[in-house]
mmCIF file of all heavy atoms, coordinates in Angstrom:
data_MODEL
# 
_entry.id   MODEL 
# 
loop_
_atom_site.group_PDB 
_atom_site.id 
_atom_site.type_symbol 
_atom_site.label_atom_id 
_atom_site.label_alt_id 
_atom_site.label_comp_id 
_atom_site.label_asym_id 
_atom_site.label_entity_id 
_atom_site.label_seq_id 
_atom_site.pdbx_PDB_ins_code 
_atom_site.Cartn_x 
_atom_site.Cartn_y 
_atom_site.Cartn_z 
_atom_site.occupancy 
_atom_site.B_iso_or_equiv 
_atom_site.pdbx_formal_charge 
_atom_site.auth_seq_id 
_atom_site.auth_comp_id 
_atom_site.auth_asym_id 
_atom_site.auth_atom_id 
_atom_site.pdbx_PDB_model_num 
ATOM 1   N N   . THR A 1 1  ? 148.104 61.507 99.534  1.00 0.00 ? 1  THR A N   1 
ATOM 2   C CA  . THR A 1 1  ? 146.794 60.940 99.587  1.00 0.00 ? 1  THR A CA  1 
ATOM 3   C C   . THR A 1 1  ? 146.537 60.221 98.257  1.00 0.00 ? 1  THR A C   1 
ATOM 4   O O   . THR A 1 1  ? 147.260 60.356 97.385  1.00 0.00 ? 1  THR A O   1 
ATOM 5   C CB  . THR A 1 1  ? 145.551 62.033 99.797  1.00 0.00 ? 1  THR A CB  1 
ATOM 6   O OG1 . THR A 1 1  ? 145.506 62.876 98.677  1.00 0.00 ? 1  THR A OG1 1 
ATOM 7   C CG2 . THR A 1 1  ? 146.095 63.063 100.942 1.00 0.00 ? 1  THR A CG2 1 
ATOM 8   N N   . GLU A 1 2  ? 145.380 59.579 98.297  1.00 0.00 ? 2  GLU A N   1 
ATOM 9   C CA  . GLU A 1 2  ? 144.963 58.729 97.132  1.00 0.00 ? 2  GLU A CA  1 
ATOM 10  C C   . GLU A 1 2  ? 144.666 59.624 95.922  1.00 0.00 ? 2  GLU A C   1 
ATOM 11  O O   . GLU A 1 2  ? 144.948 59.182 94.727  1.00 0.00 ? 2  GLU A O   1 
ATOM 12  C CB  . GLU A 1 2  ? 143.784 57.844 97.496  1.00 0.00 ? 2  GLU A CB  1 
ATOM 13  C CG  . GLU A 1 2  ? 143.577 56.637 96.403  1.00 0.00 ? 2  GLU A CG  1 
ATOM 14  C CD  . GLU A 1 2  ? 142.562 55.737 96.810  1.00 0.00 ? 2  GLU A CD  1 
ATOM 15  O OE1 . GLU A 1 2  ? 141.875 55.992 97.848  1.00 0.00 ? 2  GLU A OE1 1 
ATOM 16  O OE2 . GLU A 1 2  ? 142.320 54.667 96.137  1.00 0.00 ? 2  GLU A OE2 1 
ATOM 17  N N   . ASP A 1 3  ? 144.152 60.896 96.168  1.00 0.00 ? 3  ASP A N   1 
ATOM 18  C CA  . ASP A 1 3  ? 143.744 61.623 95.079  1.00 0.00 ? 3  ASP A CA  1 
ATOM 19  C C   . ASP A 1 3  ? 144.985 62.574 94.483  1.00 0.00 ? 3  ASP A C   1 
ATOM 20  O O   . ASP A 1 3  ? 144.722 63.277 93.594  1.00 0.00 ? 3  ASP A O   1 
ATOM 21  C CB  . ASP A 1 3  ? 142.635 62.561 95.474  1.00 0.00 ? 3  ASP A CB  1 
ATOM 22  C CG  . ASP A 1 3  ? 141.403 61.727 95.824  1.00 0.00 ? 3  ASP A CG  1 
ATOM 23  O OD1 . ASP A 1 3  ? 141.223 60.571 95.207  1.00 0.00 ? 3  ASP A OD1 1 
ATOM 24  O OD2 . ASP A 1 3  ? 140.558 62.212 96.614  1.00 0.00 ? 3  ASP A OD2 1 
ATOM 25  N N   . GLU A 1 4  ? 146.032 62.681 95.215  1.00 0.00 ? 4  GLU A N   1 
ATOM 26  C CA  . GLU A 1 4  ? 147.117 63.593 94.964  1.00 0.00 ? 4  GLU A CA  1 
ATOM 27  C C   . GLU A 1 4  ? 148.184 62.921 93.961  1.00 0.00 ? 4  GLU A C   1 
ATOM 28  O O   . GLU A 1 4  ? 148.099 61.686 93.875  1.00 0.00 ? 4  GLU A O   1 
ATOM 29  C CB  . GLU A 1 4  ? 147.859 64.176 96.165  1.00 0.00 ? 4  GLU A CB  1 
ATOM 30  C CG  . GLU A 1 4  ? 146.861 64.994 97.078  1.00 0.00 ? 4  GLU A CG  1 
ATOM 31  C CD  . GLU A 1 4  ? 147.724 65.590 98.205  1.00 0.00 ? 4  GLU A CD  1 
ATOM 32  O OE1 . GLU A 1 4  ? 148.920 65.784 97.983  1.00 0.00 ? 4  GLU A OE1 1 
ATOM 33  O OE2 . GLU A 1 4  ? 147.200 65.872 99.251  1.00 0.00 ? 4  GLU A OE2 1 
ATOM 34  N N   . PRO A 1 5  ? 148.781 63.785 93.204  1.00 0.00 ? 5  PRO A N   1 
ATOM 35  C CA  . PRO A 1 5  ? 149.838 63.214 92.277  1.00 0.00 ? 5  PRO A CA  1 
ATOM 36  C C   . PRO A 1 5  ? 151.006 62.526 93.114  1.00 0.00 ? 5  PRO A C   1 
ATOM 37  O O   . PRO A 1 5  ? 151.207 62.712 94.321  1.00 0.00 ? 5  PRO A O   1 
ATOM 38  C CB  . PRO A 1 5  ? 150.274 64.429 91.614  1.00 0.00 ? 5  PRO A CB  1 
ATOM 39  C CG  . PRO A 1 5  ? 150.101 65.540 92.512  1.00 0.00 ? 5  PRO A CG  1 
ATOM 40  C CD  . PRO A 1 5  ? 148.753 65.282 93.140  1.00 0.00 ? 5  PRO A CD  1 
ATOM 41  N N   . ASP A 1 6  ? 151.729 61.670 92.467  1.00 0.00 ? 6  ASP A N   1 
ATOM 42  C CA  . ASP A 1 6  ? 152.847 61.076 93.205  1.00 0.00 ? 6  ASP A CA  1 
ATOM 43  C C   . ASP A 1 6  ? 154.000 62.124 93.584  1.00 0.00 ? 6  ASP A C   1 
ATOM 44  O O   . ASP A 1 6  ? 154.167 63.022 92.839  1.00 0.00 ? 6  ASP A O   1 
ATOM 45  C CB  . ASP A 1 6  ? 153.610 60.104 92.140  1.00 0.00 ? 6  ASP A CB  1 
ATOM 46  C CG  . ASP A 1 6  ? 152.654 58.940 91.562  1.00 0.00 ? 6  ASP A CG  1 
ATOM 47  O OD1 . ASP A 1 6  ? 151.843 58.543 92.352  1.00 0.00 ? 6  ASP A OD1 1 
ATOM 48  O OD2 . ASP A 1 6  ? 152.926 58.455 90.485  1.00 0.00 ? 6  ASP A OD2 1 
ATOM 49  N N   . SER A 1 7  ? 154.418 61.816 94.825  1.00 0.00 ? 7  SER A N   1 
ATOM 50  C CA  . SER A 1 7  ? 155.550 62.698 95.321  1.00 0.00 ? 7  SER A CA  1 
ATOM 51  C C   . SER A 1 7  ? 156.835 61.786 95.045  1.00 0.00 ? 7  SER A C   1 
ATOM 52  O O   . SER A 1 7  ? 157.888 62.515 95.040  1.00 0.00 ? 7  SER A O   1 
ATOM 53  C CB  . SER A 1 7  ? 155.351 62.769 96.806  1.00 0.00 ? 7  SER A CB  1 
ATOM 54  O OG  . SER A 1 7  ? 155.288 61.599 97.503  1.00 0.00 ? 7  SER A OG  1 
ATOM 55  N N   . PHE A 1 8  ? 156.696 60.628 94.630  1.00 0.00 ? 8  PHE A N   1 
ATOM 56  C CA  . PHE A 1 8  ? 157.911 59.815 94.283  1.00 0.00 ? 8  PHE A CA  1 
ATOM 57  C C   . PHE A 1 8  ? 157.482 58.657 93.509  1.00 0.00 ? 8  PHE A C   1 
ATOM 58  O O   . PHE A 1 8  ? 156.440 58.024 93.697  1.00 0.00 ? 8  PHE A O   1 
ATOM 59  C CB  . PHE A 1 8  ? 158.655 59.343 95.619  1.00 0.00 ? 8  PHE A CB  1 
ATOM 60  C CG  . PHE A 1 8  ? 159.638 58.195 95.215  1.00 0.00 ? 8  PHE A CG  1 
ATOM 61  C CD1 . PHE A 1 8  ? 161.014 58.630 94.935  1.00 0.00 ? 8  PHE A CD1 1 
ATOM 62  C CD2 . PHE A 1 8  ? 159.388 56.863 95.394  1.00 0.00 ? 8  PHE A CD2 1 
ATOM 63  C CE1 . PHE A 1 8  ? 161.915 57.661 94.658  1.00 0.00 ? 8  PHE A CE1 1 
ATOM 64  C CE2 . PHE A 1 8  ? 160.319 55.902 95.095  1.00 0.00 ? 8  PHE A CE2 1 
ATOM 65  C CZ  . PHE A 1 8  ? 161.642 56.246 94.757  1.00 0.00 ? 8  PHE A CZ  1 
ATOM 66  N N   . VAL A 1 9  ? 158.276 58.348 92.417  1.00 0.00 ? 9  VAL A N   1 
ATOM 67  C CA  . VAL A 1 9  ? 157.912 57.235 91.527  1.00 0.00 ? 9  VAL A CA  1 
ATOM 68  C C   . VAL A 1 9  ? 159.132 56.734 90.763  1.00 0.00 ? 9  VAL A C   1 
ATOM 69  O O   . VAL A 1 9  ? 160.097 57.631 90.503  1.00 0.00 ? 9  VAL A O   1 
ATOM 70  C CB  . VAL A 1 9  ? 156.824 57.568 90.444  1.00 0.00 ? 9  VAL A CB  1 
ATOM 71  C CG1 . VAL A 1 9  ? 157.312 58.700 89.409  1.00 0.00 ? 9  VAL A CG1 1 
ATOM 72  C CG2 . VAL A 1 9  ? 156.315 56.413 89.686  1.00 0.00 ? 9  VAL A CG2 1 
ATOM 73  N N   . ARG A 1 10 ? 159.417 55.487 90.710  1.00 0.00 ? 10 ARG A N   1 
ATOM 74  C CA  . ARG A 1 10 ? 160.456 55.041 90.010  1.00 0.00 ? 10 ARG A CA  1 
ATOM 75  C C   . ARG A 1 10 ? 160.075 53.593 89.383  1.00 0.00 ? 10 ARG A C   1 
ATOM 76  O O   . ARG A 1 10 ? 159.294 52.711 89.990  1.00 0.00 ? 10 ARG A O   1 
ATOM 77  C CB  . ARG A 1 10 ? 161.740 54.832 90.774  1.00 0.00 ? 10 ARG A CB  1 
ATOM 78  C CG  . ARG A 1 10 ? 161.697 53.795 91.915  1.00 0.00 ? 10 ARG A CG  1 
ATOM 79  C CD  . ARG A 1 10 ? 163.096 53.581 92.532  1.00 0.00 ? 10 ARG A CD  1 
ATOM 80  N NE  . ARG A 1 10 ? 162.828 52.827 93.787  1.00 0.00 ? 10 ARG A NE  1 
ATOM 81  C CZ  . ARG A 1 10 ? 163.981 52.333 94.424  1.00 0.00 ? 10 ARG A CZ  1 
ATOM 82  N NH1 . ARG A 1 10 ? 165.223 52.510 93.968  1.00 0.00 ? 10 ARG A NH1 1 
ATOM 83  N NH2 . ARG A 1 10 ? 163.931 51.618 95.483  1.00 0.00 ? 10 ARG A NH2 1 
ATOM 84  N N   . VAL A 1 11 ? 160.719 53.255 88.237  1.00 0.00 ? 11 VAL A N   1 
ATOM 85  C CA  . VAL A 1 11 ? 160.414 51.976 87.522  1.00 0.00 ? 11 VAL A CA  1 
ATOM 86  C C   . VAL A 1 11 ? 161.202 50.793 88.296  1.00 0.00 ? 11 VAL A C   1 
ATOM 87  O O   . VAL A 1 11 ? 162.345 51.105 88.550  1.00 0.00 ? 11 VAL A O   1 
ATOM 88  C CB  . VAL A 1 11 ? 160.753 52.028 86.084  1.00 0.00 ? 11 VAL A CB  1 
ATOM 89  C CG1 . VAL A 1 11 ? 160.616 50.649 85.422  1.00 0.00 ? 11 VAL A CG1 1 
ATOM 90  C CG2 . VAL A 1 11 ? 160.003 53.065 85.412  1.00 0.00 ? 11 VAL A CG2 1 
ATOM 91  N N   . ARG A 1 12 ? 160.613 49.674 88.539  1.00 0.00 ? 12 ARG A N   1 
ATOM 92  C CA  . ARG A 1 12 ? 161.238 48.620 89.140  1.00 0.00 ? 12 ARG A CA  1 
ATOM 93  C C   . ARG A 1 12 ? 161.167 47.419 88.153  1.00 0.00 ? 12 ARG A C   1 
ATOM 94  O O   . ARG A 1 12 ? 160.313 47.284 87.388  1.00 0.00 ? 12 ARG A O   1 
ATOM 95  C CB  . ARG A 1 12 ? 160.500 48.306 90.478  1.00 0.00 ? 12 ARG A CB  1 
ATOM 96  C CG  . ARG A 1 12 ? 160.624 49.366 91.586  1.00 0.00 ? 12 ARG A CG  1 
ATOM 97  C CD  . ARG A 1 12 ? 162.034 49.569 91.992  1.00 0.00 ? 12 ARG A CD  1 
ATOM 98  N NE  . ARG A 1 12 ? 162.547 48.272 92.617  1.00 0.00 ? 12 ARG A NE  1 
ATOM 99  C CZ  . ARG A 1 12 ? 162.281 47.873 93.853  1.00 0.00 ? 12 ARG A CZ  1 
ATOM 100 N NH1 . ARG A 1 12 ? 161.647 48.596 94.792  1.00 0.00 ? 12 ARG A NH1 1 
ATOM 101 N NH2 . ARG A 1 12 ? 162.838 46.680 94.244  1.00 0.00 ? 12 ARG A NH2 1 
ATOM 102 N N   . THR A 1 13 ? 162.178 46.474 88.445  1.00 0.00 ? 13 THR A N   1 
ATOM 103 C CA  . THR A 1 13 ? 162.102 45.217 87.626  1.00 0.00 ? 13 THR A CA  1 
ATOM 104 C C   . THR A 1 13 ? 162.031 43.989 88.593  1.00 0.00 ? 13 THR A C   1 
ATOM 105 O O   . THR A 1 13 ? 162.450 44.139 89.845  1.00 0.00 ? 13 THR A O   1 
ATOM 106 C CB  . THR A 1 13 ? 163.393 45.085 86.916  1.00 0.00 ? 13 THR A CB  1 
ATOM 107 O OG1 . THR A 1 13 ? 164.559 45.263 87.806  1.00 0.00 ? 13 THR A OG1 1 
ATOM 108 C CG2 . THR A 1 13 ? 163.473 46.176 85.874  1.00 0.00 ? 13 THR A CG2 1 
ATOM 109 N N   . LEU A 1 14 ? 161.406 42.929 88.067  1.00 0.00 ? 14 LEU A N   1 
ATOM 110 C CA  . LEU A 1 14 ? 161.273 41.805 88.917  1.00 0.00 ? 14 LEU A CA  1 
ATOM 111 C C   . LEU A 1 14 ? 162.584 41.095 89.125  1.00 0.00 ? 14 LEU A C   1 
ATOM 112 O O   . LEU A 1 14 ? 163.490 40.959 88.205  1.00 0.00 ? 14 LEU A O   1 
ATOM 113 C CB  . LEU A 1 14 ? 160.333 40.852 88.198  1.00 0.00 ? 14 LEU A CB  1 
ATOM 114 C CG  . LEU A 1 14 ? 158.837 41.055 88.209  1.00 0.00 ? 14 LEU A CG  1 
ATOM 115 C CD1 . LEU A 1 14 ? 158.076 40.024 87.452  1.00 0.00 ? 14 LEU A CD1 1 
ATOM 116 C CD2 . LEU A 1 14 ? 158.202 41.263 89.627  1.00 0.00 ? 14 LEU A CD2 1 
ATOM 117 N N   . GLY A 1 15 ? 162.810 40.489 90.176  1.00 0.00 ? 15 GLY A N   1 
ATOM 118 C CA  . GLY A 1 15 ? 163.842 39.657 90.554  1.00 0.00 ? 15 GLY A CA  1 
ATOM 119 C C   . GLY A 1 15 ? 163.758 38.169 89.774  1.00 0.00 ? 15 GLY A C   1 
ATOM 120 O O   . GLY A 1 15 ? 162.675 37.901 89.232  1.00 0.00 ? 15 GLY A O   1 
ATOM 121 N N   . SER A 1 16 ? 164.756 37.373 89.857  1.00 0.00 ? 16 SER A N   1 
ATOM 122 C CA  . SER A 1 16 ? 164.658 36.149 89.253  1.00 0.00 ? 16 SER A CA  1 
ATOM 123 C C   . SER A 1 16 ? 163.550 35.223 89.892  1.00 0.00 ? 16 SER A C   1 
ATOM 124 O O   . SER A 1 16 ? 163.063 34.209 89.175  1.00 0.00 ? 16 SER A O   1 
ATOM 125 C CB  . SER A 1 16 ? 166.005 35.529 89.366  1.00 0.00 ? 16 SER A CB  1 
ATOM 126 O OG  . SER A 1 16 ? 166.387 35.308 90.653  1.00 0.00 ? 16 SER A OG  1 
ATOM 127 N N   . ASP A 1 17 ? 163.158 35.549 91.056  1.00 0.00 ? 17 ASP A N   1 
ATOM 128 C CA  . ASP A 1 17 ? 162.112 34.870 91.760  1.00 0.00 ? 17 ASP A CA  1 
ATOM 129 C C   . ASP A 1 17 ? 160.710 35.402 91.537  1.00 0.00 ? 17 ASP A C   1 
ATOM 130 O O   . ASP A 1 17 ? 159.789 35.012 92.274  1.00 0.00 ? 17 ASP A O   1 
ATOM 131 C CB  . ASP A 1 17 ? 162.418 34.599 93.190  1.00 0.00 ? 17 ASP A CB  1 
ATOM 132 C CG  . ASP A 1 17 ? 162.643 35.907 93.949  1.00 0.00 ? 17 ASP A CG  1 
ATOM 133 O OD1 . ASP A 1 17 ? 162.578 36.997 93.347  1.00 0.00 ? 17 ASP A OD1 1 
ATOM 134 O OD2 . ASP A 1 17 ? 162.918 35.993 95.137  1.00 0.00 ? 17 ASP A OD2 1 
ATOM 135 N N   . SER A 1 18 ? 160.635 36.379 90.688  1.00 0.00 ? 18 SER A N   1 
ATOM 136 C CA  . SER A 1 18 ? 159.255 36.963 90.232  1.00 0.00 ? 18 SER A CA  1 
ATOM 137 C C   . SER A 1 18 ? 158.849 37.854 91.405  1.00 0.00 ? 18 SER A C   1 
ATOM 138 O O   . SER A 1 18 ? 157.598 37.832 91.678  1.00 0.00 ? 18 SER A O   1 
ATOM 139 C CB  . SER A 1 18 ? 158.247 35.987 89.879  1.00 0.00 ? 18 SER A CB  1 
ATOM 140 O OG  . SER A 1 18 ? 158.763 35.209 88.726  1.00 0.00 ? 18 SER A OG  1 
ATOM 141 N N   . ARG A 1 19 ? 159.627 38.470 92.301  1.00 0.00 ? 19 ARG A N   1 
ATOM 142 C CA  . ARG A 1 19 ? 159.258 39.294 93.415  1.00 0.00 ? 19 ARG A CA  1 
ATOM 143 C C   . ARG A 1 19 ? 159.814 40.588 93.300  1.00 0.00 ? 19 ARG A C   1 
ATOM 144 O O   . ARG A 1 19 ? 160.844 40.855 92.595  1.00 0.00 ? 19 ARG A O   1 
ATOM 145 C CB  . ARG A 1 19 ? 159.748 38.626 94.592  1.00 0.00 ? 19 ARG A CB  1 
ATOM 146 C CG  . ARG A 1 19 ? 159.232 37.309 94.828  1.00 0.00 ? 19 ARG A CG  1 
ATOM 147 C CD  . ARG A 1 19 ? 159.985 36.646 96.224  1.00 0.00 ? 19 ARG A CD  1 
ATOM 148 N NE  . ARG A 1 19 ? 159.624 35.293 96.348  1.00 0.00 ? 19 ARG A NE  1 
ATOM 149 C CZ  . ARG A 1 19 ? 158.646 34.753 97.111  1.00 0.00 ? 19 ARG A CZ  1 
ATOM 150 N NH1 . ARG A 1 19 ? 158.068 35.669 97.776  1.00 0.00 ? 19 ARG A NH1 1 
ATOM 151 N NH2 . ARG A 1 19 ? 158.343 33.502 97.141  1.00 0.00 ? 19 ARG A NH2 1 
ATOM 152 N N   . VAL A 1 20 ? 159.163 41.597 93.796  1.00 0.00 ? 20 VAL A N   1 
ATOM 153 C CA  . VAL A 1 20 ? 159.588 42.888 93.956  1.00 0.00 ? 20 VAL A CA  1 
ATOM 154 C C   . VAL A 1 20 ? 159.415 43.419 95.378  1.00 0.00 ? 20 VAL A C   1 
ATOM 155 O O   . VAL A 1 20 ? 158.401 43.048 95.982  1.00 0.00 ? 20 VAL A O   1 
ATOM 156 C CB  . VAL A 1 20 ? 159.072 43.864 92.926  1.00 0.00 ? 20 VAL A CB  1 
ATOM 157 C CG1 . VAL A 1 20 ? 157.465 44.019 93.217  1.00 0.00 ? 20 VAL A CG1 1 
ATOM 158 C CG2 . VAL A 1 20 ? 159.616 45.302 92.897  1.00 0.00 ? 20 VAL A CG2 1 
ATOM 159 N N   . ALA A 1 21 ? 160.277 44.244 95.926  1.00 0.00 ? 21 ALA A N   1 
ATOM 160 C CA  . ALA A 1 21 ? 160.092 44.513 97.324  1.00 0.00 ? 21 ALA A CA  1 
ATOM 161 C C   . ALA A 1 21 ? 160.673 45.987 97.526  1.00 0.00 ? 21 ALA A C   1 
ATOM 162 O O   . ALA A 1 21 ? 161.421 46.446 96.793  1.00 0.00 ? 21 ALA A O   1 
ATOM 163 C CB  . ALA A 1 21 ? 160.840 43.597 98.283  1.00 0.00 ? 21 ALA A CB  1 
ATOM 164 N N   . LEU A 1 22 ? 159.975 46.610 98.641  1.00 0.00 ? 22 LEU A N   1 
ATOM 165 C CA  . LEU A 1 22 ? 160.508 47.968 99.041  1.00 0.00 ? 22 LEU A CA  1 
ATOM 166 C C   . LEU A 1 22 ? 160.683 47.904 100.619 1.00 0.00 ? 22 LEU A C   1 
ATOM 167 O O   . LEU A 1 22 ? 159.981 47.230 101.216 1.00 0.00 ? 22 LEU A O   1 
ATOM 168 C CB  . LEU A 1 22 ? 159.466 49.081 98.565  1.00 0.00 ? 22 LEU A CB  1 
ATOM 169 C CG  . LEU A 1 22 ? 158.012 49.087 99.045  1.00 0.00 ? 22 LEU A CG  1 
ATOM 170 C CD1 . LEU A 1 22 ? 158.005 49.571 100.515 1.00 0.00 ? 22 LEU A CD1 1 
ATOM 171 C CD2 . LEU A 1 22 ? 157.202 49.829 98.077  1.00 0.00 ? 22 LEU A CD2 1 
ATOM 172 N N   . ILE A 1 23 ? 161.532 48.701 100.970 1.00 0.00 ? 23 ILE A N   1 
ATOM 173 C CA  . ILE A 1 23 ? 161.837 48.820 102.432 1.00 0.00 ? 23 ILE A CA  1 
ATOM 174 C C   . ILE A 1 23 ? 161.961 50.250 102.809 1.00 0.00 ? 23 ILE A C   1 
ATOM 175 O O   . ILE A 1 23 ? 162.544 51.101 102.100 1.00 0.00 ? 23 ILE A O   1 
ATOM 176 C CB  . ILE A 1 23 ? 163.042 48.135 102.883 1.00 0.00 ? 23 ILE A CB  1 
ATOM 177 C CG1 . ILE A 1 23 ? 163.002 46.569 102.665 1.00 0.00 ? 23 ILE A CG1 1 
ATOM 178 C CG2 . ILE A 1 23 ? 163.433 48.343 104.317 1.00 0.00 ? 23 ILE A CG2 1 
ATOM 179 C CD1 . ILE A 1 23 ? 164.259 45.821 102.918 1.00 0.00 ? 23 ILE A CD1 1 
ATOM 180 N N   . ARG A 1 24 ? 161.304 50.677 103.853 1.00 0.00 ? 24 ARG A N   1 
ATOM 181 C CA  . ARG A 1 24 ? 161.195 52.137 104.276 1.00 0.00 ? 24 ARG A CA  1 
ATOM 182 C C   . ARG A 1 24 ? 161.622 52.076 105.851 1.00 0.00 ? 24 ARG A C   1 
ATOM 183 O O   . ARG A 1 24 ? 160.989 51.451 106.634 1.00 0.00 ? 24 ARG A O   1 
ATOM 184 C CB  . ARG A 1 24 ? 159.996 52.764 104.111 1.00 0.00 ? 24 ARG A CB  1 
ATOM 185 C CG  . ARG A 1 24 ? 159.644 53.028 102.645 1.00 0.00 ? 24 ARG A CG  1 
ATOM 186 C CD  . ARG A 1 24 ? 160.448 53.972 101.892 1.00 0.00 ? 24 ARG A CD  1 
ATOM 187 N NE  . ARG A 1 24 ? 159.895 54.387 100.737 1.00 0.00 ? 24 ARG A NE  1 
ATOM 188 C CZ  . ARG A 1 24 ? 160.216 53.708 99.471  1.00 0.00 ? 24 ARG A CZ  1 
ATOM 189 N NH1 . ARG A 1 24 ? 160.881 52.511 99.554  1.00 0.00 ? 24 ARG A NH1 1 
ATOM 190 N NH2 . ARG A 1 24 ? 159.632 54.052 98.452  1.00 0.00 ? 24 ARG A NH2 1 
# 
């Protein structure tokens, strides 16, 4: 939920095209 702590977190870096994506 919005008020609860993260259940998962990781640092991401931008690609050469200034984009970042996730897939589930």
